[in-house]
């Protein structure tokens, strides 16, 4: 009997020792939001993966670019709703 669980794979993520996370040692600023942390990390270590899922990785750069696209889309939608016209580029 196959209940669908045969396709599931268990993964284990080992914790990373703090000495392998240099940004923790030099962090002197308290961040106000996750967005601020991501923006700073994207500037410091853009190509480092911060999400690993099976064989896929997502870098800080990819996350930052995606967040910027979402924010831009939201801004344009709000402008269009409030002004009843598209937002024009300069």
Protein backbone atom coordinates (compact mmCIF):
# COMPACT_ATOMS: atom_id res chain seq x y z
CA UNK A 1 0.00 0.00 0.00
CA UNK A 2 1.38 3.38 -0.99
CA UNK A 3 0.13 6.17 1.23
CA UNK A 4 2.20 8.86 -0.54
CA UNK A 5 4.88 9.00 2.12
CA UNK A 6 7.39 7.12 0.02
CA UNK A 7 8.09 10.31 -1.92
CA UNK A 8 8.86 12.33 1.18
CA UNK A 9 12.50 12.77 2.12
CA UNK A 10 13.69 13.74 5.55
CA UNK A 11 16.35 16.41 5.64
CA UNK A 12 18.41 17.58 8.55
CA UNK A 13 19.84 21.05 8.79
CA UNK A 14 22.81 21.26 11.06
CA UNK A 15 23.15 24.46 13.08
CA UNK A 16 25.92 26.80 11.99
CA UNK A 17 28.42 27.66 14.72
CA UNK A 18 28.54 31.41 15.47
CA UNK A 19 32.25 31.57 14.56
CA UNK A 20 31.25 30.71 10.99
CA UNK A 21 28.92 33.70 10.84
CA UNK A 22 31.27 36.70 10.79
CA UNK A 23 28.48 39.24 10.48
CA UNK A 24 27.27 38.26 13.96
CA UNK A 25 30.63 39.13 15.48
CA UNK A 26 30.78 42.58 13.91
CA UNK A 27 27.11 43.42 14.26
CA UNK A 28 26.88 46.56 16.32
CA UNK A 29 23.62 47.96 14.99
CA UNK A 30 20.20 46.80 16.03
CA UNK A 31 17.97 46.41 13.01
CA UNK A 32 14.42 47.68 12.97
CA UNK A 33 13.03 45.12 10.54
CA UNK A 34 13.71 41.96 8.60
CA UNK A 35 13.69 44.09 5.44
CA UNK A 36 16.56 46.16 6.81
CA UNK A 37 18.58 43.05 7.65
CA UNK A 38 18.00 41.64 4.15
CA UNK A 39 19.01 44.90 2.47
CA UNK A 40 22.23 45.12 4.47
CA UNK A 41 23.06 41.47 3.84
CA UNK A 42 22.34 41.85 0.11
CA UNK A 43 24.92 44.64 0.05
CA UNK A 44 27.51 42.73 2.06
CA UNK A 45 27.17 39.16 0.82
CA UNK A 46 24.83 39.25 -2.21
CA UNK A 47 25.66 35.84 -3.63
CA UNK A 48 25.60 33.86 -0.40
CA UNK A 49 22.66 31.53 -0.02
CA UNK A 50 20.44 32.22 2.96
CA UNK A 51 17.74 29.70 2.09
CA UNK A 52 18.57 26.15 1.08
CA UNK A 53 15.81 23.74 0.17
CA UNK A 54 16.82 20.39 -1.24
CA UNK A 55 18.93 21.31 -4.30
CA UNK A 56 17.67 24.86 -4.55
CA UNK A 57 19.29 27.92 -3.04
CA UNK A 58 18.13 31.50 -2.75
CA UNK A 59 20.72 34.22 -2.38
CA UNK A 60 20.41 37.51 -0.57
CA UNK A 61 20.59 39.26 -3.96
CA UNK A 62 17.67 37.22 -5.34
CA UNK A 63 15.57 37.90 -2.26
CA UNK A 64 16.35 41.62 -2.35
CA UNK A 65 15.55 41.88 -6.07
CA UNK A 66 12.27 40.04 -5.58
CA UNK A 67 11.33 42.27 -2.63
CA UNK A 68 12.08 45.36 -4.72
CA UNK A 69 9.87 44.10 -7.58
CA UNK A 70 7.01 43.41 -5.16
CA UNK A 71 7.38 46.85 -3.55
CA UNK A 72 7.48 48.57 -6.94
CA UNK A 73 4.37 46.73 -8.08
CA UNK A 74 2.58 47.67 -4.85
CA UNK A 75 3.60 51.32 -5.24
CA UNK A 76 2.31 51.42 -8.82
CA UNK A 77 -0.97 49.77 -7.84
CA UNK A 78 -1.55 52.22 -4.99
CA UNK A 79 -0.74 55.18 -7.23
CA UNK A 80 -3.12 53.92 -9.91
CA UNK A 81 -5.88 53.34 -7.34
CA UNK A 82 -5.50 56.77 -5.74
CA UNK A 83 -4.91 58.81 -8.90
CA UNK A 84 -6.81 56.78 -11.48
CA UNK A 85 -3.88 56.89 -13.87
CA UNK A 86 -0.62 54.96 -14.33
CA UNK A 87 2.51 56.16 -12.57
CA UNK A 88 4.78 57.70 -15.20
CA UNK A 89 8.56 57.22 -15.19
CA UNK A 90 10.73 60.34 -15.12
